[in-house]
N, C-alpha and C. Protein backbone atom coordinates (compact mmCIF):
# COMPACT_ATOMS: atom_id res chain seq x y z
N MET A 1 -6.28 -19.23 -10.30
CA MET A 1 -6.31 -18.18 -9.73
C MET A 1 -7.58 -17.42 -8.77
N PHE A 2 -7.50 -16.76 -8.21
CA PHE A 2 -8.38 -16.56 -7.05
C PHE A 2 -9.87 -16.00 -7.71
N ASP A 3 -10.86 -15.90 -6.90
CA ASP A 3 -11.85 -15.29 -7.51
C ASP A 3 -12.21 -13.96 -6.14
N PHE A 4 -12.91 -13.11 -6.84
CA PHE A 4 -13.03 -11.98 -6.40
C PHE A 4 -12.93 -11.91 -4.33
N GLN A 5 -13.78 -12.45 -4.20
CA GLN A 5 -14.11 -12.78 -2.80
C GLN A 5 -12.76 -13.58 -1.95
N LYS A 6 -11.97 -14.35 -2.68
CA LYS A 6 -11.12 -14.66 -1.98
C LYS A 6 -9.72 -13.83 -2.09
N LYS A 7 -9.77 -13.25 -3.13
CA LYS A 7 -8.81 -12.06 -2.96
C LYS A 7 -9.26 -10.80 -1.76
N ILE A 8 -10.27 -10.72 -1.61
CA ILE A 8 -10.83 -9.68 -0.64
C ILE A 8 -10.23 -10.28 0.84
N GLU A 9 -10.72 -11.50 0.96
CA GLU A 9 -10.22 -12.38 2.25
C GLU A 9 -8.46 -11.81 2.45
N LYS A 10 -8.12 -12.18 1.51
CA LYS A 10 -6.72 -12.15 1.52
C LYS A 10 -6.05 -11.14 1.56
N LEU A 11 -6.77 -9.86 0.95
CA LEU A 11 -6.09 -9.02 1.64
C LEU A 11 -6.54 -7.86 2.53
N ARG A 12 -7.47 -8.43 3.23
CA ARG A 12 -7.69 -8.43 4.47
C ARG A 12 -6.79 -8.67 5.40
N GLN A 13 -6.19 -9.59 5.26
CA GLN A 13 -5.05 -10.12 6.33
C GLN A 13 -3.58 -9.20 6.21
N PHE A 14 -3.73 -8.44 5.26
CA PHE A 14 -2.42 -7.49 4.97
C PHE A 14 -2.55 -6.56 5.00
N GLU A 15 -4.36 -5.88 5.52
CA GLU A 15 -4.59 -4.36 5.54
C GLU A 15 -3.87 -3.89 6.98
N SER A 16 -3.37 -4.46 7.92
CA SER A 16 -3.22 -3.64 9.21
C SER A 16 -1.44 -3.59 9.03
N LEU A 17 -1.18 -4.30 8.19
CA LEU A 17 0.48 -4.29 7.77
C LEU A 17 0.79 -3.04 6.70
N CYS A 18 -0.46 -3.19 6.07
CA CYS A 18 -0.13 -1.77 4.73
C CYS A 18 -0.44 -0.35 5.77
N PHE A 19 -1.27 -0.62 6.45
CA PHE A 19 -1.61 1.16 7.35
C PHE A 19 -0.67 1.13 8.29
N THR A 20 0.08 0.16 8.63
CA THR A 20 0.97 0.33 9.95
C THR A 20 2.45 0.88 8.67
N VAL A 21 2.74 0.53 8.09
CA VAL A 21 3.60 0.81 7.18
C VAL A 21 3.53 2.51 6.90
N CYS A 22 2.33 2.49 6.44
CA CYS A 22 2.25 3.66 5.95
C CYS A 22 2.25 4.86 6.98
N VAL A 23 1.44 4.58 7.84
CA VAL A 23 1.22 5.47 9.02
C VAL A 23 2.33 5.65 9.76
N THR A 24 3.19 4.73 9.80
CA THR A 24 4.78 4.78 10.48
C THR A 24 5.67 6.08 9.53
N LEU A 25 5.53 6.00 8.34
CA LEU A 25 6.28 6.75 7.33
C LEU A 25 5.69 8.08 7.00
N LEU A 26 4.44 8.15 6.75
CA LEU A 26 3.80 9.28 6.80
C LEU A 26 3.38 10.00 7.81
N THR A 27 3.18 9.41 9.19
CA THR A 27 2.56 10.08 10.47
C THR A 27 1.08 10.65 10.42
N GLU A 28 0.71 10.80 9.65
CA GLU A 28 -0.63 11.54 9.02
C GLU A 28 -1.39 10.34 9.05
N GLU A 29 -2.82 10.29 9.60
CA GLU A 29 -3.34 9.21 9.81
C GLU A 29 -4.12 9.22 8.65
N GLN A 30 -4.81 10.08 7.83
CA GLN A 30 -5.75 10.16 6.36
C GLN A 30 -4.94 9.86 5.26
N ALA A 31 -3.55 10.73 5.38
CA ALA A 31 -2.91 10.17 4.10
C ALA A 31 -2.16 8.80 4.15
N ALA A 32 -2.40 8.02 5.54
CA ALA A 32 -1.52 6.95 5.44
C ALA A 32 -2.96 6.04 5.11
N ASN A 33 -4.09 6.17 5.69
CA ASN A 33 -5.23 5.49 5.04
C ASN A 33 -5.21 5.35 3.91
N ASN A 34 -5.49 6.67 2.80
CA ASN A 34 -5.30 6.64 1.65
C ASN A 34 -4.09 6.11 1.03
N THR A 35 -3.31 6.31 1.27
CA THR A 35 -2.03 5.65 0.75
C THR A 35 -1.81 3.94 1.24
N ALA A 36 -2.20 3.53 2.05
CA ALA A 36 -2.12 2.11 2.34
C ALA A 36 -3.72 1.40 1.33
N GLU A 37 -4.85 2.31 1.15
CA GLU A 37 -5.85 2.06 0.06
C GLU A 37 -5.26 1.67 -1.01
N ARG A 38 -4.41 2.24 -1.47
CA ARG A 38 -3.94 2.53 -2.98
C ARG A 38 -3.33 1.33 -2.85
N VAL A 39 -2.19 0.53 -2.42
CA VAL A 39 -1.73 -0.29 -2.33
C VAL A 39 -2.30 -1.69 -2.28
N LEU A 40 -3.47 -2.02 -1.28
CA LEU A 40 -4.30 -2.84 -1.46
C LEU A 40 -4.94 -2.45 -2.98
N CYS A 41 -5.30 -1.94 -3.53
CA CYS A 41 -5.81 -1.92 -5.15
C CYS A 41 -4.81 -2.33 -5.57
N GLN A 42 -3.60 -1.80 -5.59
CA GLN A 42 -2.19 -2.43 -6.43
C GLN A 42 -2.53 -4.00 -5.95
N LEU A 43 -2.32 -4.60 -5.21
CA LEU A 43 -2.13 -5.34 -5.09
C LEU A 43 -3.41 -6.50 -5.65
N PHE A 44 -4.19 -6.07 -5.37
CA PHE A 44 -5.51 -6.84 -5.93
C PHE A 44 -5.48 -7.32 -7.65
N ALA A 45 -5.03 -6.13 -7.77
CA ALA A 45 -4.83 -6.34 -9.40
C ALA A 45 -2.93 -7.02 -9.93
N ASP A 46 -2.53 -7.22 -9.46
CA ASP A 46 -1.08 -7.61 -9.12
C ASP A 46 -1.14 -9.40 -9.48
N LYS A 47 -0.89 -9.63 -10.75
CA LYS A 47 -1.12 -11.07 -10.90
C LYS A 47 0.17 -11.49 -9.93
N SER A 48 1.36 -11.20 -10.15
CA SER A 48 2.34 -11.54 -9.69
C SER A 48 2.20 -12.01 -8.11
N PHE A 49 1.68 -10.76 -7.63
CA PHE A 49 1.61 -11.09 -6.07
C PHE A 49 0.38 -12.29 -5.74
N TRP A 50 -0.42 -12.31 -6.42
CA TRP A 50 -1.29 -13.88 -5.99
C TRP A 50 -0.32 -15.04 -6.58
N LEU A 51 0.72 -15.05 -7.22
CA LEU A 51 1.17 -16.63 -7.26
C LEU A 51 2.54 -16.45 -6.72
N MET A 52 2.64 -15.48 -6.06
CA MET A 52 4.31 -15.55 -4.96
C MET A 52 3.78 -16.38 -3.64
N GLU A 53 4.78 -17.37 -3.42
CA GLU A 53 4.57 -17.70 -1.84
C GLU A 53 4.39 -17.10 -0.68
N GLU A 54 3.64 -17.25 0.13
CA GLU A 54 2.96 -16.53 1.03
C GLU A 54 4.31 -15.76 1.98
N SER A 55 5.23 -16.22 2.11
CA SER A 55 6.68 -15.65 2.91
C SER A 55 7.29 -14.58 1.85
N GLU A 56 6.68 -14.62 0.77
CA GLU A 56 7.28 -13.26 0.18
C GLU A 56 6.57 -12.54 0.02
N LYS A 57 5.16 -12.36 0.60
CA LYS A 57 4.26 -11.36 0.22
C LYS A 57 4.65 -10.26 1.30
N PRO A 58 4.92 -10.48 2.24
CA PRO A 58 4.95 -9.13 3.31
C PRO A 58 6.09 -8.18 2.78
N PRO A 59 7.70 -8.75 2.33
CA PRO A 59 8.50 -7.83 2.09
C PRO A 59 7.84 -6.89 0.63
N TYR A 60 7.26 -7.82 0.04
CA TYR A 60 6.78 -7.35 -1.34
C TYR A 60 5.67 -6.02 -0.90
N ILE A 61 4.90 -6.42 0.00
CA ILE A 61 4.12 -5.40 0.66
C ILE A 61 4.49 -3.78 0.96
N LEU A 62 5.75 -4.46 1.60
CA LEU A 62 6.55 -3.59 2.22
C LEU A 62 7.26 -2.31 1.40
N ARG A 63 7.94 -3.36 0.18
CA ARG A 63 8.45 -2.48 -0.76
C ARG A 63 7.24 -1.40 -1.20
N LEU A 64 6.11 -1.58 -1.96
CA LEU A 64 4.82 -1.12 -2.59
C LEU A 64 4.69 0.17 -1.34
N CYS A 65 4.20 -0.28 -0.25
CA CYS A 65 4.06 0.58 0.78
C CYS A 65 5.00 2.11 0.87
N THR A 66 6.40 1.35 0.93
CA THR A 66 7.42 2.44 0.75
C THR A 66 7.40 3.64 -0.37
N CYS A 67 7.19 2.85 -1.35
CA CYS A 67 7.38 3.44 -3.07
C CYS A 67 6.35 4.64 -2.75
N GLU A 68 4.84 3.64 -2.14
CA GLU A 68 3.16 5.05 -2.49
C GLU A 68 3.81 5.82 -1.35
N CYS A 69 4.59 5.72 -0.33
CA CYS A 69 4.74 6.73 0.74
C CYS A 69 5.96 7.76 -0.14
N MET A 70 6.50 7.30 -0.24
CA MET A 70 7.83 8.32 -0.89
C MET A 70 7.06 9.11 -2.02
N GLN A 71 6.22 8.12 -3.02
CA GLN A 71 5.78 9.31 -3.95
C GLN A 71 4.62 10.19 -3.45
N TYR A 72 3.89 10.22 -2.32
CA TYR A 72 2.87 10.75 -1.45
C TYR A 72 3.85 12.31 -0.84
N LYS A 73 4.83 11.71 -0.34
CA LYS A 73 5.94 13.04 0.18
C LYS A 73 6.19 13.73 -0.92
N ARG A 74 6.69 13.05 -2.15
CA ARG A 74 7.12 13.94 -3.10
C ARG A 74 6.09 15.18 -3.48
N GLN A 75 4.68 14.44 -3.79
CA GLN A 75 3.86 15.18 -4.56
C GLN A 75 3.44 16.19 -3.47
N ASN A 76 3.51 15.62 -2.01
CA ASN A 76 2.92 16.58 -1.19
C ASN A 76 3.92 17.85 -1.10
N GLN A 77 4.83 17.60 -1.15
CA GLN A 77 6.04 18.40 -0.99
C GLN A 77 6.27 19.60 -2.13
N GLN A 78 5.74 19.09 -3.41
CA GLN A 78 5.86 19.91 -4.91
C GLN A 78 4.57 20.61 -4.58
N ASN A 79 3.52 20.13 -4.11
CA ASN A 79 2.13 21.26 -3.71
C ASN A 79 2.53 22.18 -3.01
N GLN A 80 3.22 21.73 -2.00
CA GLN A 80 3.80 23.13 -0.72
C GLN A 80 4.30 24.17 -0.94
N VAL A 81 5.24 23.69 -2.74
CA VAL A 81 5.95 24.80 -3.29
C VAL A 81 4.99 25.75 -3.83
N LYS A 82 4.30 25.01 -4.67
CA LYS A 82 3.39 25.56 -5.46
C LYS A 82 2.46 26.61 -4.81
N THR A 83 2.28 26.33 -3.68
CA THR A 83 1.33 27.11 -3.15
C THR A 83 1.89 28.30 -2.15
N SER A 84 3.04 28.07 -1.90
CA SER A 84 3.93 29.29 -1.31
C SER A 84 4.45 30.30 -1.85
């Protein structure tokens, strides 16, 4: 298993992928940044992620980013309805 510093270094390789996916789906930079950060934190703790082959990681990250972005959009819509 990876130690803390190795995990951080590895996640830095996927940071731009996370942000690019999130900013594409959300278009709002701050929301995309926060969502990408949440995904990276999830990945850090995800034991299955660290056991995957390298070729499996980008599609997995894409799915996680998409799910987190959709969740953000749902919450944002609910909050807008409550304040209306």
